[in-house]
């Protein structure tokens, strides 16, 4: 075989591990396939001194005001990312934003088809415990579909009996500083590809999922966390896992509820070229989070219709 023929054969052969290669353009157009959706976005970050615990006041001291200001800055970015997902996936979106402390009243007034919980910054022992207790009561009784992201995932798990620990399984107060973090794009493995959140995973011709998901049941998702749930709470099913953090994704389908929770930031799946790159806005290298977000919205709409019937 001549050198030209060898080059042709080599070019035609797939690489043995193509999972770090993009099969899509960062500027690819996104088709809005959901006609309408009512989504309540919950800001889970601390807002003012009434939201914090006595422990937070003691530990932070004079830095409390600056800490709360930082929480507000991050909250604005987190909420914007979630709203951006809804706007780019739904033709006629209706959205409302409320703080964690307002979730019960906001859900009753807005009557959403879906609730999305943002991430967090502070450990939960820095939160006013009455605020967390009110959320726990809400999440146990709501019949609205819920999606918890990162800290929202942990808050859901905590509400159903799991512990929130560091990645090396210490109590948060035992390692406030120098924690291990799972950061940037990471692979997680799907443990139950039959769940509807992975719709289309067996349809290669649809062109939705990338090769690494179709062939190896892997997701490539953005991570930014130093805490995790110590277990999958009772009544939930594990959907995705990784070596640093076992509980990457879970679902509850009991007592008329539909609750999804993801440790990773699936909402960071759209590129915004108007902003300079920071740790909060980064090059979009995977569409996986966007697909999961869209599938959640579809399920939430169906769940709302069944609940109302």
Protein backbone atom coordinates (compact mmCIF):
# COMPACT_ATOMS: atom_id res chain seq x y z
CA UNK A 1 0.00 0.00 0.00
CA UNK A 2 1.40 3.39 -1.03
CA UNK A 3 1.84 6.32 1.36
CA UNK A 4 -1.17 8.18 -0.12
CA UNK A 5 -3.41 5.14 0.39
CA UNK A 6 -2.19 4.73 3.98
CA UNK A 7 -3.03 8.37 4.71
CA UNK A 8 -6.55 7.90 3.29
CA UNK A 9 -7.17 4.79 5.45
CA UNK A 10 -5.79 6.50 8.57
CA UNK A 11 -8.01 9.52 8.02
CA UNK A 12 -11.09 7.33 7.68
CA UNK A 13 -10.48 5.38 10.90
CA UNK A 14 -12.06 6.80 14.06
CA UNK A 15 -9.82 7.67 16.98
CA UNK A 16 -9.94 5.15 19.84
CA UNK A 17 -11.06 7.72 22.41
CA UNK A 18 -12.83 10.61 20.68
CA UNK A 19 -14.58 11.88 23.78
CA UNK A 20 -12.63 15.13 24.00
CA UNK A 21 -13.55 16.16 20.48
CA UNK A 22 -16.48 18.41 19.75
CA UNK A 23 -19.03 17.11 17.27
CA UNK A 24 -20.81 20.45 17.14
CA UNK A 25 -20.02 24.10 16.58
CA UNK A 26 -20.01 26.47 19.55
CA UNK A 27 -22.24 28.75 17.49
CA UNK A 28 -24.77 26.04 16.56
CA UNK A 29 -28.36 27.31 16.28
CA UNK A 30 -30.72 26.07 18.99
CA UNK A 31 -34.19 25.08 17.89
CA UNK A 32 -36.89 26.00 20.39
CA UNK A 33 -38.92 22.80 20.53
CA UNK A 34 -41.02 23.62 23.60
CA UNK A 35 -44.01 25.83 22.85
CA UNK A 36 -44.64 27.31 26.31
CA UNK A 37 -43.59 26.80 29.94
CA UNK A 38 -44.14 28.53 33.28
CA UNK A 39 -40.94 28.30 35.33
CA UNK A 40 -40.28 29.59 38.83
CA UNK A 41 -36.57 30.15 39.48
CA UNK A 42 -35.48 30.05 43.12
CA UNK A 43 -32.44 32.01 44.28
CA UNK A 44 -30.92 29.77 46.98
CA UNK A 45 -28.11 32.09 48.01
CA UNK A 46 -28.04 34.22 51.16
CA UNK A 47 -29.67 37.61 50.77
CA UNK A 48 -29.47 39.60 54.02
CA UNK A 49 -28.57 39.18 57.69
CA UNK A 50 -31.96 37.67 58.49
CA UNK A 51 -31.04 34.68 56.30
CA UNK A 52 -27.89 33.76 58.24
CA UNK A 53 -27.34 31.77 61.43
CA UNK A 54 -25.71 32.88 64.67
CA UNK A 55 -22.76 30.68 63.71
CA UNK A 56 -22.30 32.64 60.47
CA UNK A 57 -22.38 35.92 62.38
CA UNK A 58 -19.77 34.64 64.82
CA UNK A 59 -17.48 33.14 62.17
CA UNK A 60 -17.69 35.97 59.64
CA UNK A 61 -17.81 38.88 62.06
CA UNK A 62 -17.00 42.11 60.27
CA UNK A 63 -16.76 40.24 56.97
CA UNK A 64 -20.47 39.36 57.03
CA UNK A 65 -21.58 42.35 54.97
CA UNK A 66 -18.92 41.69 52.32
CA UNK A 67 -19.85 38.01 52.30
CA UNK A 68 -23.52 38.82 51.69
CA UNK A 69 -22.57 41.22 48.91
CA UNK A 70 -20.60 38.43 47.25
CA UNK A 71 -23.58 36.10 47.60
CA UNK A 72 -25.78 38.66 45.81
CA UNK A 73 -23.29 39.03 42.96
CA UNK A 74 -23.14 35.27 42.42
CA UNK A 75 -26.91 34.96 42.81
CA UNK A 76 -27.44 37.39 39.94
CA UNK A 77 -25.19 35.30 37.68
CA UNK A 78 -26.79 32.01 38.74
CA UNK A 79 -30.35 33.21 38.17
CA UNK A 80 -29.42 34.79 34.84
CA UNK A 81 -27.96 31.48 33.61
CA UNK A 82 -31.14 29.59 34.48
CA UNK A 83 -33.42 32.19 32.90
CA UNK A 84 -31.19 32.15 29.83
CA UNK A 85 -31.75 28.40 29.45
CA UNK A 86 -35.51 28.77 29.64
CA UNK A 87 -35.52 31.66 27.16
CA UNK A 88 -33.43 29.75 24.62
CA UNK A 89 -35.37 26.50 24.88
CA UNK A 90 -38.99 27.75 25.04
CA UNK A 91 -40.83 29.77 22.40
CA UNK A 92 -43.18 31.48 24.86
CA UNK A 93 -41.58 31.31 28.30
CA UNK A 94 -43.18 32.72 31.44
CA UNK A 95 -40.73 33.06 34.31
CA UNK A 96 -40.67 34.42 37.81
CA UNK A 97 -37.80 34.71 40.31
CA UNK A 98 -38.10 34.40 44.08
CA UNK A 99 -35.75 33.89 47.01
CA UNK A 100 -35.56 30.61 48.89
CA UNK A 101 -37.34 32.22 51.83
CA UNK A 102 -40.29 33.04 49.55
CA UNK A 103 -40.71 29.72 47.76
CA UNK A 104 -44.03 28.69 49.27
CA UNK A 105 -45.81 31.99 48.60
CA UNK A 106 -44.20 32.34 45.15
CA UNK A 107 -45.30 28.86 44.08
CA UNK A 108 -48.87 29.47 45.25
CA UNK A 109 -49.10 32.83 43.48
CA UNK A 110 -47.29 32.04 40.22
CA UNK A 111 -48.50 28.42 39.86
CA UNK A 112 -45.51 27.24 37.81
CA UNK A 113 -45.22 24.05 35.80
CA UNK A 114 -41.61 23.75 36.95
CA UNK A 115 -39.42 25.02 39.77
CA UNK A 116 -35.65 25.32 39.34
CA UNK A 117 -33.41 25.73 42.40
CA UNK A 118 -30.12 27.56 41.92
CA UNK A 119 -26.77 26.65 43.38
CA UNK A 120 -25.39 28.00 46.66
CA UNK A 121 -22.16 29.45 48.03
CA UNK A 122 -22.27 29.11 51.84
CA UNK A 123 -22.49 25.94 53.91
CA UNK A 124 -25.97 25.22 55.21
CA UNK A 125 -24.97 25.71 58.85
CA UNK A 126 -24.49 29.37 57.89
CA UNK A 127 -28.18 29.55 56.95
CA UNK A 128 -30.98 30.50 59.32
CA UNK A 129 -32.26 27.04 60.25
CA UNK A 130 -35.90 28.18 60.21
CA UNK A 131 -35.46 29.13 56.55
CA UNK A 132 -34.15 25.65 55.76
CA UNK A 133 -36.93 24.01 57.76
CA UNK A 134 -39.58 25.91 55.79
CA UNK A 135 -38.00 24.72 52.55
CA UNK A 136 -37.95 21.15 53.87
CA UNK A 137 -41.67 21.33 54.56
CA UNK A 138 -42.32 22.75 51.08
CA UNK A 139 -40.26 20.19 49.16
CA UNK A 140 -41.94 17.29 50.96
CA UNK A 141 -45.43 18.36 49.96
CA UNK A 142 -45.06 20.09 46.58
CA UNK A 143 -46.46 18.36 43.52
CA UNK A 144 -44.81 20.77 41.09
CA UNK A 145 -41.87 19.31 39.19
CA UNK A 146 -38.57 20.47 40.72
CA UNK A 147 -35.01 20.61 39.41
CA UNK A 148 -32.24 21.27 41.95
CA UNK A 149 -28.82 22.38 40.71
CA UNK A 150 -25.57 21.91 42.70
CA UNK A 151 -26.39 23.50 46.09
CA UNK A 152 -30.07 23.05 45.21
CA UNK A 153 -29.34 19.34 44.71
CA UNK A 154 -27.71 19.19 48.14
CA UNK A 155 -30.58 21.10 49.74
CA UNK A 156 -33.07 18.58 48.34
CA UNK A 157 -30.96 15.66 49.56
CA UNK A 158 -30.60 17.21 53.02
CA UNK A 159 -34.37 17.75 53.19
CA UNK A 160 -34.93 14.02 52.63
CA UNK A 161 -32.40 12.84 55.20
CA UNK A 162 -28.99 12.78 53.51
CA UNK A 163 -25.97 14.55 55.00
CA UNK A 164 -23.99 17.21 53.18
CA UNK A 165 -20.25 16.49 53.50
CA UNK A 166 -16.99 17.49 51.85
CA UNK A 167 -15.57 15.47 48.96
CA UNK A 168 -13.31 13.70 51.48
CA UNK A 169 -16.42 13.01 53.58
CA UNK A 170 -15.81 15.42 56.46
CA UNK A 171 -18.44 17.60 58.07
CA UNK A 172 -18.39 21.05 56.40
CA UNK A 173 -17.27 22.82 59.60
CA UNK A 174 -14.26 20.50 59.80
CA UNK A 175 -12.85 21.83 56.53
CA UNK A 176 -13.99 25.37 55.77
CA UNK A 177 -10.66 26.09 54.09
CA UNK A 178 -8.52 24.15 51.61
CA UNK A 179 -11.32 21.89 50.46
CA UNK A 180 -11.05 19.50 47.56
CA UNK A 181 -13.12 20.80 44.65
CA UNK A 182 -14.56 19.22 41.55
CA UNK A 183 -14.15 21.99 39.01
CA UNK A 184 -14.40 22.58 35.24
CA UNK A 185 -15.66 20.01 32.74
CA UNK A 186 -15.77 16.45 34.08
CA UNK A 187 -17.17 13.15 32.86
CA UNK A 188 -19.95 11.42 34.80
CA UNK A 189 -21.43 8.04 34.00
CA UNK A 190 -25.16 7.47 33.55
CA UNK A 191 -26.40 4.65 35.80
CA UNK A 192 -29.98 4.46 34.47
CA UNK A 193 -30.21 5.36 30.77
CA UNK A 194 -33.88 4.33 30.73
CA UNK A 195 -34.98 7.40 32.71
CA UNK A 196 -36.95 9.90 30.57
CA UNK A 197 -34.44 12.64 31.42
CA UNK A 198 -32.15 10.91 28.92
CA UNK A 199 -34.76 10.80 26.16
CA UNK A 200 -33.22 10.20 22.75
CA UNK A 201 -30.19 8.35 24.10
CA UNK A 202 -31.05 5.28 22.01
CA UNK A 203 -31.76 7.29 18.85
CA UNK A 204 -28.43 7.85 17.14
CA UNK A 205 -30.11 9.22 14.03
CA UNK A 206 -31.65 12.07 16.03
CA UNK A 207 -28.25 13.75 16.33
CA UNK A 208 -29.06 15.05 19.81
CA UNK A 209 -26.57 13.24 22.03
CA UNK A 210 -22.85 13.03 21.33
CA UNK A 211 -20.93 9.83 20.61
CA UNK A 212 -19.55 9.39 24.12
CA UNK A 213 -23.10 9.34 25.52
CA UNK A 214 -24.46 7.02 22.85
CA UNK A 215 -21.55 4.58 23.07
CA UNK A 216 -20.44 4.72 26.71
CA UNK A 217 -23.35 6.32 28.62
CA UNK A 218 -21.15 9.26 29.65
CA UNK A 219 -22.02 12.93 30.18
CA UNK A 220 -19.55 15.80 30.00
CA UNK A 221 -20.75 18.48 32.39
CA UNK A 222 -19.52 21.61 34.17
CA UNK A 223 -18.61 21.12 37.84
CA UNK A 224 -17.95 23.64 40.60
CA UNK A 225 -18.49 22.24 44.10
CA UNK A 226 -16.65 21.23 47.25
CA UNK A 227 -19.54 19.47 48.99
CA UNK A 228 -21.64 16.42 48.18
CA UNK A 229 -24.45 14.25 49.55
CA UNK A 230 -23.25 11.30 51.60
CA UNK A 231 -25.87 8.99 50.06
CA UNK A 232 -28.92 8.76 47.84
CA UNK A 233 -31.90 9.60 50.08
CA UNK A 234 -34.71 7.11 50.56
CA UNK A 235 -37.29 7.42 47.81
CA UNK A 236 -34.75 8.66 45.24
CA UNK A 237 -32.99 6.77 42.46
CA UNK A 238 -29.40 7.38 41.37
CA UNK A 239 -29.10 8.43 37.71
CA UNK A 240 -25.43 9.38 37.28
CA UNK A 241 -22.20 8.96 39.22
CA UNK A 242 -18.48 9.77 39.20
CA UNK A 243 -15.35 8.76 41.10
CA UNK A 244 -15.07 12.01 43.11
CA UNK A 245 -18.76 12.33 43.93
CA UNK A 246 -21.01 9.28 43.77
CA UNK A 247 -24.35 11.11 43.72
CA UNK A 248 -24.15 13.25 40.59
CA UNK A 249 -27.81 12.99 39.65
CA UNK A 250 -30.97 11.55 41.19
CA UNK A 251 -34.75 11.52 40.80
CA UNK A 252 -37.78 11.05 43.05
CA UNK A 253 -41.00 9.66 41.57
CA UNK A 254 -43.02 8.89 44.68
CA UNK A 255 -46.15 10.31 46.32
CA UNK A 256 -47.10 12.19 43.16
CA UNK A 257 -43.78 14.04 43.08
CA UNK A 258 -41.25 14.58 40.30
CA UNK A 259 -37.97 15.89 41.70
CA UNK A 260 -34.70 15.86 39.79
CA UNK A 261 -31.43 16.96 41.35
CA UNK A 262 -28.03 17.32 39.68
CA UNK A 263 -24.71 18.03 41.38
CA UNK A 264 -23.26 19.55 38.22
CA UNK A 265 -24.22 22.85 36.59
CA UNK A 266 -26.36 21.75 33.67
CA UNK A 267 -27.55 25.35 33.21
CA UNK A 268 -24.10 26.47 32.02
CA UNK A 269 -24.61 25.02 28.56
CA UNK A 270 -25.05 28.14 26.45
CA UNK A 271 -22.36 30.45 25.18
CA UNK A 272 -22.70 34.18 25.83
CA UNK A 273 -20.12 35.96 23.73
CA UNK A 274 -21.09 39.37 25.10
CA UNK A 275 -19.17 38.72 28.30
CA UNK A 276 -15.52 38.34 29.09
CA UNK A 277 -14.63 34.83 30.29
CA UNK A 278 -14.65 34.37 34.06
CA UNK A 279 -15.06 31.36 36.30
CA UNK A 280 -18.82 31.88 35.91
CA UNK A 281 -18.89 32.38 32.10
CA UNK A 282 -16.77 29.84 30.26
CA UNK A 283 -16.40 28.40 26.74
CA UNK A 284 -19.28 26.01 26.09
CA UNK A 285 -17.77 22.64 25.24
CA UNK A 286 -20.75 20.34 25.77
CA UNK A 287 -24.44 20.40 24.97
CA UNK A 288 -25.24 17.64 27.49
CA UNK A 289 -26.56 19.96 30.21
CA UNK A 290 -28.82 21.73 27.75
CA UNK A 291 -30.36 18.44 26.59
CA UNK A 292 -31.08 17.39 30.18
CA UNK A 293 -32.58 20.80 30.97
CA UNK A 294 -34.87 20.59 27.94
CA UNK A 295 -35.93 17.04 28.80
CA UNK A 296 -36.72 18.17 32.34
CA UNK A 297 -38.95 20.97 31.08
CA UNK A 298 -40.83 18.54 28.84
CA UNK A 299 -41.41 16.17 31.74
CA UNK A 300 -42.44 19.03 34.04
CA UNK A 301 -45.11 20.15 31.58
CA UNK A 302 -46.46 16.61 31.26
CA UNK A 303 -46.39 16.17 35.05
CA UNK A 304 -48.27 19.45 35.55
CA UNK A 305 -50.98 18.33 33.12
CA UNK A 306 -51.41 14.98 34.91
CA UNK A 307 -51.48 16.67 38.32
CA UNK A 308 -54.16 19.12 37.16
CA UNK A 309 -56.34 16.39 35.60
